[in-house]
PDB file of N, CA and C in Angstrom:
ATOM      1  N   UNK A   1     135.336 -60.149-120.428  1.00  0.00           N
ATOM      2  CA  UNK A   1     134.316 -61.279-120.519  1.00  0.00           C
ATOM      3  C   UNK A   1     134.692 -62.479-121.870  1.00  0.00           C
ATOM      4  N   UNK A   2     135.378 -63.788-121.127  1.00  0.00           N
ATOM      5  CA  UNK A   2     135.481 -64.580-122.382  1.00  0.00           C
ATOM      6  C   UNK A   2     134.459 -65.023-123.031  1.00  0.00           C
ATOM      7  N   UNK A   3     134.739 -65.710-124.208  1.00  0.00           N
ATOM      8  CA  UNK A   3     133.904 -66.173-124.940  1.00  0.00           C
ATOM      9  C   UNK A   3     133.012 -67.293-124.325  1.00  0.00           C
ATOM     10  N   UNK A   4     133.578 -68.317-123.618  1.00  0.00           N
ATOM     11  CA  UNK A   4     133.162 -68.957-122.761  1.00  0.00           C
ATOM     12  C   UNK A   4     132.035 -68.365-121.810  1.00  0.00           C
ATOM     13  N   UNK A   5     132.362 -67.277-121.353  1.00  0.00           N
ATOM     14  CA  UNK A   5     131.164 -66.673-120.688  1.00  0.00           C
ATOM     15  C   UNK A   5     130.145 -65.883-121.206  1.00  0.00           C
ATOM     16  N   UNK A   6     130.497 -65.565-122.480  1.00  0.00           N
ATOM     17  CA  UNK A   6     129.629 -64.345-123.627  1.00  0.00           C
ATOM     18  C   UNK A   6     128.350 -66.321-123.784  1.00  0.00           C
ATOM     19  N   UNK A   7     129.353 -67.214-124.292  1.00  0.00           N
ATOM     20  CA  UNK A   7     128.172 -68.417-124.679  1.00  0.00           C
ATOM     21  C   UNK A   7     127.227 -68.849-123.527  1.00  0.00           C
ATOM     22  N   UNK A   8     127.523 -69.064-122.503  1.00  0.00           N
ATOM     23  CA  UNK A   8     126.927 -69.350-121.164  1.00  0.00           C
ATOM     24  C   UNK A   8     125.793 -68.256-120.795  1.00  0.00           C
ATOM     25  N   UNK A   9     126.354 -66.780-120.913  1.00  0.00           N
ATOM     26  CA  UNK A   9     124.771 -65.796-120.783  1.00  0.00           C
ATOM     27  C   UNK A   9     123.883 -66.479-121.829  1.00  0.00           C
ATOM     28  N   UNK A  10     124.659 -66.433-123.054  1.00  0.00           N
ATOM     29  CA  UNK A  10     123.424 -66.862-124.122  1.00  0.00           C
ATOM     30  C   UNK A  10     122.593 -68.163-123.948  1.00  0.00           C
ATOM     31  N   UNK A  11     123.490 -69.064-123.304  1.00  0.00           N
ATOM     32  CA  UNK A  11     122.435 -70.244-122.972  1.00  0.00           C
ATOM     33  C   UNK A  11     121.634 -69.962-121.991  1.00  0.00           C
ATOM     34  N   UNK A  12     121.849 -68.879-120.846  1.00  0.00           N
ATOM     35  CA  UNK A  12     121.034 -68.537-119.906  1.00  0.00           C
ATOM     36  C   UNK A  12     119.809 -68.017-120.498  1.00  0.00           C
ATOM     37  N   UNK A  13     120.090 -67.434-121.209  1.00  0.00           N
ATOM     38  CA  UNK A  13     119.068 -66.358-122.086  1.00  0.00           C
ATOM     39  C   UNK A  13     118.421 -67.101-122.615  1.00  0.00           C
ATOM     40  N   UNK A  14     118.427 -68.583-123.241  1.00  0.00           N
ATOM     41  CA  UNK A  14     117.768 -69.044-124.624  1.00  0.00           C
ATOM     42  C   UNK A  14     116.895 -70.321-123.136  1.00  0.00           C
ATOM     43  N   UNK A  15     117.484 -70.583-122.044  1.00  0.00           N
ATOM     44  CA  UNK A  15     116.977 -71.456-120.877  1.00  0.00           C
ATOM     45  C   UNK A  15     115.506 -70.071-120.168  1.00  0.00           C
ATOM     46  N   UNK A  16     116.023 -68.951-120.242  1.00  0.00           N
ATOM     47  CA  UNK A  16     114.814 -68.572-119.892  1.00  0.00           C
ATOM     48  C   UNK A  16     113.614 -68.010-120.764  1.00  0.00           C
ATOM     49  N   UNK A  17     113.868 -68.213-122.160  1.00  0.00           N
ATOM     50  CA  UNK A  17     112.916 -67.945-123.424  1.00  0.00           C
ATOM     51  C   UNK A  17     112.005 -69.273-123.211  1.00  0.00           C
ATOM     52  N   UNK A  18     113.058 -70.496-122.762  1.00  0.00           N
ATOM     53  CA  UNK A  18     111.922 -71.614-123.060  1.00  0.00           C
ATOM     54  C   UNK A  18     110.938 -71.571-121.480  1.00  0.00           C
ATOM     55  N   UNK A  19     111.883 -71.460-120.579  1.00  0.00           N
ATOM     56  CA  UNK A  19     111.230 -71.149-119.190  1.00  0.00           C
ATOM     57  C   UNK A  19     109.679 -70.365-119.202  1.00  0.00           C
ATOM     58  N   UNK A  20     109.780 -69.010-120.212  1.00  0.00           N
ATOM     59  CA  UNK A  20     108.842 -68.018-120.216  1.00  0.00           C
ATOM     60  C   UNK A  20     107.711 -68.868-121.356  1.00  0.00           C
ATOM     61  N   UNK A  21     108.184 -69.224-122.391  1.00  0.00           N
ATOM     62  CA  UNK A  21     107.391 -69.825-123.264  1.00  0.00           C
ATOM     63  C   UNK A  21     106.794 -71.095-122.370  1.00  0.00           C
ATOM     64  N   UNK A  22     107.040 -71.638-121.192  1.00  0.00           N
ATOM     65  CA  UNK A  22     106.541 -73.043-121.077  1.00  0.00           C
ATOM     66  C   UNK A  22     105.118 -72.278-119.677  1.00  0.00           C
ATOM     67  N   UNK A  23     105.215 -70.746-119.475  1.00  0.00           N
ATOM     68  CA  UNK A  23     104.199 -70.539-118.396  1.00  0.00           C
ATOM     69  C   UNK A  23     103.269 -69.743-119.144  1.00  0.00           C
ATOM     70  N   UNK A  24     102.933 -70.381-120.842  1.00  0.00           N
ATOM     71  CA  UNK A  24     102.129 -70.253-121.387  1.00  0.00           C
ATOM     72  C   UNK A  24     101.623 -68.841-121.519  1.00  0.00           C
ATOM     73  N   UNK A  25     102.857 -67.953-121.337  1.00  0.00           N
ATOM     74  CA  UNK A  25     102.652 -66.301-121.781  1.00  0.00           C
ATOM     75  C   UNK A  25     102.931 -66.087-122.933  1.00  0.00           C
ATOM     76  N   UNK A  26     102.175 -64.875-123.493  1.00  0.00           N
ATOM     77  CA  UNK A  26     101.835 -64.297-124.818  1.00  0.00           C
ATOM     78  C   UNK A  26     103.596 -64.202-125.376  1.00  0.00           C
ATOM     79  N   UNK A  27     103.316 -65.220-126.709  1.00  0.00           N
ATOM     80  CA  UNK A  27     104.816 -65.105-127.400  1.00  0.00           C
ATOM     81  C   UNK A  27     105.636 -63.972-127.986  1.00  0.00           C
ATOM     82  N   UNK A  28     104.272 -63.213-128.032  1.00  0.00           N
ATOM     83  CA  UNK A  28     104.645 -61.867-128.820  1.00  0.00           C
ATOM     84  C   UNK A  28     105.249 -61.155-128.313  1.00  0.00           C
ATOM     85  N   UNK A  29     104.448 -61.098-126.709  1.00  0.00           N
ATOM     86  CA  UNK A  29     105.748 -60.297-125.574  1.00  0.00           C
ATOM     87  C   UNK A  29     106.875 -60.718-125.611  1.00  0.00           C
ATOM     88  N   UNK A  30     106.780 -61.956-125.489  1.00  0.00           N
ATOM     89  CA  UNK A  30     108.427 -62.531-125.209  1.00  0.00           C
ATOM     90  C   UNK A  30     109.072 -62.165-126.586  1.00  0.00           C
ATOM     91  N   UNK A  31     108.660 -61.891-127.674  1.00  0.00           N
ATOM     92  CA  UNK A  31     109.380 -62.094-128.912  1.00  0.00           C
ATOM     93  C   UNK A  31     109.925 -60.209-128.854  1.00  0.00           C
ATOM     94  N   UNK A  32     109.064 -59.539-128.305  1.00  0.00           N
ATOM     95  CA  UNK A  32     109.496 -58.167-128.058  1.00  0.00           C
ATOM     96  C   UNK A  32     110.834 -58.137-126.970  1.00  0.00           C
ATOM     97  N   UNK A  33     110.738 -58.599-126.040  1.00  0.00           N
ATOM     98  CA  UNK A  33     111.307 -58.428-125.074  1.00  0.00           C
ATOM     99  C   UNK A  33     112.646 -59.416-125.222  1.00  0.00           C
ATOM    100  N   UNK A  34     112.774 -60.431-125.892  1.00  0.00           N
ATOM    101  CA  UNK A  34     114.051 -61.319-126.503  1.00  0.00           C
ATOM    102  C   UNK A  34     114.670 -60.340-127.575  1.00  0.00           C
ATOM    103  N   UNK A  35     113.898 -59.570-128.727  1.00  0.00           N
ATOM    104  CA  UNK A  35     114.411 -58.796-129.431  1.00  0.00           C
ATOM    105  C   UNK A  35     115.661 -57.766-128.693  1.00  0.00           C
ATOM    106  N   UNK A  36     114.649 -56.940-127.919  1.00  0.00           N
ATOM    107  CA  UNK A  36     115.122 -55.838-127.201  1.00  0.00           C
ATOM    108  C   UNK A  36     116.694 -56.496-126.449  1.00  0.00           C
ATOM    109  N   UNK A  37     116.480 -57.707-125.471  1.00  0.00           N
ATOM    110  CA  UNK A  37     117.467 -57.930-125.201  1.00  0.00           C
ATOM    111  C   UNK A  37     118.589 -58.369-125.741  1.00  0.00           C
ATOM    112  N   UNK A  38     118.347 -58.772-126.917  1.00  0.00           N
ATOM    113  CA  UNK A  38     119.250 -59.499-127.944  1.00  0.00           C
ATOM    114  C   UNK A  38     119.971 -58.402-128.392  1.00  0.00           C
ATOM    115  N   UNK A  39     119.404 -57.093-128.486  1.00  0.00           N
ATOM    116  CA  UNK A  39     120.126 -55.898-129.413  1.00  0.00           C
ATOM    117  C   UNK A  39     121.076 -54.919-127.937  1.00  0.00           C
ATOM    118  N   UNK A  40     120.397 -55.065-127.058  1.00  0.00           N
ATOM    119  CA  UNK A  40     120.972 -54.728-125.884  1.00  0.00           C
ATOM    120  C   UNK A  40     122.300 -55.563-125.719  1.00  0.00           C
ATOM    121  N   UNK A  41     122.371 -56.953-125.715  1.00  0.00           N
ATOM    122  CA  UNK A  41     123.280 -57.373-125.507  1.00  0.00           C
ATOM    123  C   UNK A  41     124.500 -57.279-126.744  1.00  0.00           C
ATOM    124  N   UNK A  42     123.880 -57.758-127.543  1.00  0.00           N
ATOM    125  CA  UNK A  42     125.062 -57.309-128.814  1.00  0.00           C
ATOM    126  C   UNK A  42     125.474 -55.489-129.297  1.00  0.00           C
ATOM    127  N   UNK A  43     124.874 -54.698-128.518  1.00  0.00           N
ATOM    128  CA  UNK A  43     125.647 -53.573-128.224  1.00  0.00           C
ATOM    129  C   UNK A  43     126.506 -53.533-126.844  1.00  0.00           C
ATOM    130  N   UNK A  44     126.274 -54.415-126.039  1.00  0.00           N
ATOM    131  CA  UNK A  44     127.343 -54.618-124.894  1.00  0.00           C
ATOM    132  C   UNK A  44     128.523 -55.428-125.451  1.00  0.00           C
ATOM    133  N   UNK A  45     128.434 -56.298-126.285  1.00  0.00           N
ATOM    134  CA  UNK A  45     129.190 -57.259-126.613  1.00  0.00           C
ATOM    135  C   UNK A  45     130.306 -56.122-127.576  1.00  0.00           C
ATOM    136  N   UNK A  46     129.751 -55.657-128.844  1.00  0.00           N
ATOM    137  CA  UNK A  46     130.328 -54.853-129.415  1.00  0.00           C
ATOM    138  C   UNK A  46     131.357 -53.821-128.790  1.00  0.00           C
ATOM    139  N   UNK A  47     130.910 -53.387-127.617  1.00  0.00           N
ATOM    140  CA  UNK A  47     131.361 -52.487-127.297  1.00  0.00           C
ATOM    141  C   UNK A  47     132.776 -52.722-126.270  1.00  0.00           C
ATOM    142  N   UNK A  48     132.284 -54.036-125.656  1.00  0.00           N
ATOM    143  CA  UNK A  48     133.440 -54.841-125.124  1.00  0.00           C
ATOM    144  C   UNK A  48     134.651 -55.447-126.180  1.00  0.00           C
ATOM    145  N   UNK A  49     134.180 -55.887-127.724  1.00  0.00           N
ATOM    146  CA  UNK A  49     135.382 -56.249-128.194  1.00  0.00           C
ATOM    147  C   UNK A  49     136.265 -55.088-128.334  1.00  0.00           C
ATOM    148  N   UNK A  50     135.619 -53.736-129.070  1.00  0.00           N
ATOM    149  CA  UNK A  50     136.235 -52.736-129.166  1.00  0.00           C
ATOM    150  C   UNK A  50     137.084 -52.602-128.047  1.00  0.00           C
ATOM    151  N   UNK A  51     136.769 -52.686-126.900  1.00  0.00           N
ATOM    152  CA  UNK A  51     137.918 -52.238-125.629  1.00  0.00           C
ATOM    153  C   UNK A  51     138.788 -53.614-125.942  1.00  0.00           C
ATOM    154  N   UNK A  52     138.656 -54.562-125.883  1.00  0.00           N
ATOM    155  CA  UNK A  52     139.576 -55.465-125.977  1.00  0.00           C
ATOM    156  C   UNK A  52     140.990 -54.921-127.046  1.00  0.00           C
ATOM    157  N   UNK A  53     140.322 -54.502-128.462  1.00  0.00           N
ATOM    158  CA  UNK A  53     141.256 -54.072-129.343  1.00  0.00           C
ATOM    159  C   UNK A  53     141.916 -52.985-128.855  1.00  0.00           C
ATOM    160  N   UNK A  54     141.607 -52.230-128.349  1.00  0.00           N
ATOM    161  CA  UNK A  54     142.390 -50.692-127.906  1.00  0.00           C
ATOM    162  C   UNK A  54     143.460 -51.199-127.027  1.00  0.00           C
ATOM    163  N   UNK A  55     142.883 -52.541-126.226  1.00  0.00           N
ATOM    164  CA  UNK A  55     144.309 -53.012-125.131  1.00  0.00           C
ATOM    165  C   UNK A  55     145.211 -52.968-126.347  1.00  0.00           C
ATOM    166  N   UNK A  56     145.162 -53.782-127.133  1.00  0.00           N
ATOM    167  CA  UNK A  56     146.320 -54.555-127.730  1.00  0.00           C
ATOM    168  C   UNK A  56     147.357 -53.351-128.187  1.00  0.00           C
TER     169      UNK A  56
END
């Protein structure tokens, strides 16, 4: 995945967060979901970087 695609994914996650807030959902629930998603995203991203470095 290129940096551009990663940036696009982050933008989409941010847009989803805004839509969630606009639905008047519980913000604490959103933070729990967003925190988990952020950690998962970071794990996948870190793994991707390791894979790319291994190819060099």
